[in-house]
Amino acid sequence: MPLLSISSVTTPSYYYHYQKLNHRISASLVGLVGAKRAMVTASSSKSAGAFTTIKERVSFEKEIKKSKFIAIAGPISDEQSAFSFLSQVRDPRATHNCWAYKVGDQYRSNDDGEPSGTAGKPIHSAILSSGIDRVMVVVIRYFGGIKLGTGGLVRAYGGVTSECLRNAPTCVVKSKVPMGVEVPFDLLGILNHQLQSFQIEDIKQDYDTGKDGISMVTFKVDFDRAEKLEEAVKANCSRDLVFYKH
């Protein structure tokens, strides 16, 4: 008896991975394929989801006790793009080029010669407070001759960062979750019909699975649509359903 199973397709950023929970859900569903059974497994990683980032590079300038502070923020995707952004906007003639970035749970910051914890950390704190992700902020300082003290520096670097991000145009980006389905050839039409209504991307079919009559279909779906897609597949491709979830 052929099985339809949604299984894991691992990627560096997002993955689907489930273990048994000994949880059985039975349903009397009038499926299109009668008594065929579906073993469906799925999950979402903690990094999957929607996040808010800025649409474009923005800047904010302020003079504080004769020192000029220029905050420049830009969208980034990873550490490599962060350092590429830094190399583009830093000014070697400035007294300091302090910075911080955040990509999901990953972040780094740098005081660039300012007293420890007075520049990079408040920049990072301002990023966290803004709720913006996948962003880097570089604050360039031209010293004006008057020392601000540690408290003054923290307020200056954190303040210009907050103002810069507050004025930045933002957008919400939905993460795409990779999924895979091992499906008998005679269920491909039903599966494809379900996929068409869920804004699926990167659909690929592999008939060389090593299993007679079985094809592997892989695709990506918005993280917040994955569960509904799973339910639709189960409802239309099974009568007696066994669902293991972790």
Protein backbone atom coordinates (compact mmCIF):
# COMPACT_ATOMS: atom_id res chain seq x y z
CA MET A 1 0.00 0.00 0.00
CA PRO A 2 1.62 3.29 -1.07
CA LEU A 3 2.38 5.92 1.53
CA LEU A 4 2.36 9.69 1.26
CA SER A 5 4.85 11.21 3.69
CA ILE A 6 5.98 14.79 4.13
CA SER A 7 9.59 14.46 5.19
CA SER A 8 12.55 16.68 6.01
CA VAL A 9 14.59 18.67 3.51
CA THR A 10 17.45 20.30 5.39
CA THR A 11 18.84 23.73 4.45
CA PRO A 12 21.36 26.01 6.25
CA SER A 13 18.65 28.41 7.43
CA TYR A 14 15.43 26.51 7.79
CA TYR A 15 14.55 22.83 8.16
CA TYR A 16 11.71 20.40 8.76
CA HIS A 17 12.50 17.65 11.25
CA TYR A 18 10.12 15.52 13.34
CA GLN A 19 10.41 12.67 15.83
CA LYS A 20 7.65 10.39 17.08
CA LEU A 21 5.41 11.70 19.80
CA ASN A 22 3.22 8.59 20.01
CA HIS A 23 0.30 10.79 19.14
CA ARG A 24 -2.32 9.28 16.86
CA ILE A 25 -4.99 11.34 15.21
CA SER A 26 -7.68 9.39 13.37
CA ALA A 27 -10.15 11.06 11.09
CA SER A 28 -12.98 9.84 8.87
CA LEU A 29 -12.27 11.90 5.81
CA VAL A 30 -13.81 11.29 2.43
CA GLY A 31 -10.58 11.52 0.45
CA LEU A 32 -10.16 11.42 -3.26
CA VAL A 33 -8.20 8.18 -3.06
CA GLY A 34 -10.38 6.08 -0.79
CA ALA A 35 -8.50 4.14 1.87
CA LYS A 36 -4.96 5.23 1.06
CA ARG A 37 -2.96 6.17 4.17
CA ALA A 38 -0.70 9.15 4.69
CA MET A 39 2.15 9.39 7.19
CA VAL A 40 2.77 13.14 7.49
CA THR A 41 5.70 14.61 9.39
CA ALA A 42 6.62 18.27 9.62
CA SER A 43 8.18 20.95 11.83
CA SER A 44 9.53 24.45 11.86
CA SER A 45 12.88 25.69 13.17
CA LYS A 46 13.09 28.52 15.67
CA SER A 47 14.63 30.75 13.05
CA ALA A 48 11.72 30.33 10.67
CA GLY A 49 9.04 32.96 10.64
CA ALA A 50 8.43 36.53 9.57
CA PHE A 51 10.75 39.38 10.39
CA THR A 52 10.77 43.14 9.93
CA THR A 53 13.73 44.76 8.20
CA ILE A 54 14.46 48.07 6.50
CA LYS A 55 13.85 48.51 2.79
CA GLU A 56 16.92 50.60 2.00
CA ARG A 57 19.93 52.42 3.39
CA VAL A 58 19.06 55.35 5.64
CA SER A 59 21.09 57.82 7.69
CA PHE A 60 20.63 60.26 10.56
CA GLU A 61 23.03 63.02 11.61
CA LYS A 62 23.25 64.90 14.89
CA GLU A 63 25.77 67.20 16.56
CA ILE A 64 26.35 66.60 20.27
CA LYS A 65 28.73 68.91 22.12
CA LYS A 66 30.53 69.78 18.89
CA SER A 67 31.01 66.11 17.92
CA LYS A 68 29.22 65.04 14.75
CA PHE A 69 27.50 61.66 14.87
CA ILE A 70 26.24 60.07 11.65
CA ALA A 71 24.24 56.84 11.94
CA ILE A 72 23.92 54.81 8.74
CA ALA A 73 21.65 51.75 8.67
CA GLY A 74 21.30 49.18 5.93
CA PRO A 75 19.58 45.82 5.35
CA ILE A 76 21.86 42.77 5.48
CA SER A 77 21.41 39.01 5.16
CA ASP A 78 24.45 37.58 6.94
CA GLU A 79 27.85 38.42 8.42
CA GLN A 80 29.50 38.66 5.02
CA SER A 81 27.02 41.26 3.79
CA ALA A 82 27.40 43.11 7.12
CA PHE A 83 31.13 43.57 6.65
CA SER A 84 30.60 44.49 3.01
CA PHE A 85 28.21 47.22 4.17
CA LEU A 86 30.74 48.39 6.78
CA SER A 87 33.48 48.71 4.16
CA GLN A 88 31.16 50.79 1.98
CA VAL A 89 30.06 53.35 4.57
CA ARG A 90 32.93 53.68 7.07
CA ASP A 91 35.02 56.85 6.87
CA PRO A 92 38.74 56.29 7.58
CA ARG A 93 39.08 60.02 8.27
CA ALA A 94 36.57 59.87 11.13
CA THR A 95 37.60 59.54 14.78
CA HIS A 96 35.51 56.41 15.26
CA ASN A 97 33.43 54.06 13.11
CA CYS A 98 31.39 52.10 15.66
CA TRP A 99 28.86 49.49 14.64
CA ALA A 100 26.53 46.62 15.46
CA TYR A 101 24.41 44.23 13.43
CA LYS A 102 21.68 41.68 14.05
CA VAL A 103 20.73 38.68 11.90
CA GLY A 104 18.23 36.52 13.74
CA ASP A 105 19.94 35.34 16.93
CA GLN A 106 23.37 36.34 15.64
CA TYR A 107 24.87 39.72 16.40
CA ARG A 108 28.20 41.49 16.75
CA SER A 109 29.25 44.97 17.81
CA ASN A 110 32.41 47.04 17.94
CA ASP A 111 33.44 50.15 19.91
CA ASP A 112 36.24 51.07 17.47
CA GLY A 113 38.39 52.79 20.09
CA GLU A 114 35.65 54.26 22.25
CA PRO A 115 35.64 53.14 25.93
CA SER A 116 34.45 49.53 26.20
CA GLY A 117 30.68 49.17 26.12
CA THR A 118 29.93 52.82 25.28
CA ALA A 119 29.31 52.53 21.53
CA GLY A 120 28.76 49.08 20.01
CA LYS A 121 26.59 47.84 22.84
CA PRO A 122 24.17 50.79 22.88
CA ILE A 123 23.92 50.59 19.09
CA HIS A 124 22.97 46.92 19.41
CA SER A 125 20.51 47.68 22.21
CA ALA A 126 18.82 50.29 20.03
CA ILE A 127 18.51 47.74 17.22
CA LEU A 128 16.86 45.28 19.61
CA SER A 129 14.45 47.93 20.87
CA SER A 130 13.43 48.83 17.32
CA GLY A 131 12.24 45.29 16.55
CA ILE A 132 14.13 45.40 13.25
CA ASP A 133 16.13 42.37 12.11
CA ARG A 134 18.67 41.70 9.35
CA VAL A 135 20.11 45.17 9.82
CA MET A 136 23.46 46.83 10.49
CA VAL A 137 24.03 50.29 11.89
CA VAL A 138 27.37 52.10 11.61
CA VAL A 139 27.75 55.27 13.67
CA ILE A 140 30.54 57.55 12.48
CA ARG A 141 31.88 60.10 14.96
CA TYR A 142 33.96 63.16 14.23
CA PHE A 143 35.36 64.34 17.56
CA GLY A 144 34.61 68.00 18.32
CA GLY A 145 37.01 68.54 21.22
CA ILE A 146 34.62 68.02 24.14
CA LYS A 147 34.58 64.68 25.95
CA LEU A 148 31.13 63.24 26.61
CA GLY A 149 31.96 60.78 29.38
CA THR A 150 30.80 57.15 29.38
CA GLY A 151 27.15 58.01 30.03
CA GLY A 152 27.15 60.68 27.37
CA LEU A 153 28.65 58.30 24.82
CA VAL A 154 26.07 55.62 25.56
CA ARG A 155 23.25 58.11 25.12
CA ALA A 156 24.78 59.56 21.97
CA TYR A 157 25.41 56.27 20.14
CA GLY A 158 22.17 54.68 21.26
CA GLY A 159 20.18 57.83 20.58
CA VAL A 160 21.32 58.44 17.00
CA THR A 161 20.80 54.74 16.22
CA SER A 162 17.24 54.85 17.54
CA GLU A 163 16.46 57.99 15.54
CA CYS A 164 17.95 56.50 12.39
CA LEU A 165 15.88 53.31 12.64
CA ARG A 166 12.73 55.16 13.70
CA ASN A 167 12.73 57.07 10.41
CA ALA A 168 13.61 54.06 8.24
CA PRO A 169 11.02 52.57 5.85
CA THR A 170 10.42 48.95 6.85
CA CYS A 171 8.87 45.83 5.37
CA VAL A 172 7.84 42.41 6.65
CA VAL A 173 9.61 39.43 5.09
CA LYS A 174 8.16 35.94 5.37
CA SER A 175 10.57 33.05 5.64
CA LYS A 176 10.15 30.19 3.22
CA VAL A 177 10.06 26.71 4.73
CA PRO A 178 11.37 23.79 2.65
CA MET A 179 9.22 20.67 2.53
CA GLY A 180 9.40 17.35 0.76
CA VAL A 181 6.74 14.78 -0.12
CA GLU A 182 7.26 11.16 -1.07
CA VAL A 183 4.18 10.46 -3.15
CA PRO A 184 2.96 7.53 -5.27
CA PHE A 185 2.69 8.36 -8.95
CA ASP A 186 -1.11 8.06 -8.87
CA LEU A 187 -1.33 10.78 -6.19
CA LEU A 188 0.79 13.38 -8.00
CA GLY A 189 -2.22 15.04 -9.59
CA ILE A 190 -3.99 15.41 -6.24
CA LEU A 191 -0.85 16.77 -4.56
CA ASN A 192 -0.19 19.28 -7.34
CA HIS A 193 -3.77 20.49 -7.09
CA GLN A 194 -3.21 21.21 -3.38
CA LEU A 195 0.11 22.98 -3.98
CA GLN A 196 -1.36 25.39 -6.54
CA SER A 197 -3.39 27.26 -3.91
CA PHE A 198 -0.57 27.80 -1.37
CA GLN A 199 1.88 30.13 -3.15
CA ILE A 200 4.45 27.38 -3.49
CA GLU A 201 7.92 28.12 -4.86
CA ASP A 202 10.77 26.02 -6.27
CA ILE A 203 8.69 22.92 -7.00
CA LYS A 204 10.86 19.99 -8.10
CA GLN A 205 10.01 16.36 -8.83
CA ASP A 206 12.44 13.47 -8.59
CA TYR A 207 11.36 10.09 -9.92
CA ASP A 208 14.68 8.40 -9.09
CA THR A 209 13.93 7.68 -5.41
CA GLY A 210 14.90 4.01 -5.37
CA LYS A 211 11.30 3.13 -4.48
CA ASP A 212 8.97 1.59 -7.05
CA GLY A 213 6.15 3.91 -8.03
CA ILE A 214 7.29 6.67 -5.66
CA SER A 215 8.26 10.25 -6.58
CA MET A 216 9.84 12.92 -4.35
CA VAL A 217 8.30 16.39 -4.66
CA THR A 218 10.15 19.25 -2.94
CA PHE A 219 9.05 22.87 -2.61
CA LYS A 220 9.09 25.96 -0.38
CA VAL A 221 6.08 27.52 1.31
CA ASP A 222 5.55 30.54 3.58
CA PHE A 223 6.14 29.43 7.16
CA ASP A 224 2.64 30.54 8.22
CA ARG A 225 1.04 28.50 5.42
CA ALA A 226 2.95 25.26 6.06
CA GLU A 227 0.54 23.92 8.67
CA LYS A 228 -2.53 24.65 6.55
CA LEU A 229 -0.89 23.00 3.56
CA GLU A 230 -0.12 19.94 5.65
CA GLU A 231 -3.77 19.77 6.79
CA ALA A 232 -5.02 20.09 3.22
CA VAL A 233 -2.75 17.28 2.02
CA LYS A 234 -3.89 15.01 4.86
CA ALA A 235 -7.56 15.80 4.32
CA ASN A 236 -7.46 15.05 0.61
CA CYS A 237 -4.97 12.18 0.51
CA SER A 238 -5.99 9.99 3.45
CA ARG A 239 -8.90 8.41 5.26
CA ASP A 240 -7.22 6.89 8.35
CA LEU A 241 -4.48 9.35 9.27
CA VAL A 242 -1.43 8.77 11.48
CA PHE A 243 0.33 12.00 12.43
CA TYR A 244 3.62 12.02 14.39
CA LYS A 245 4.69 15.39 15.64
CA HIS A 246 7.58 16.77 17.75
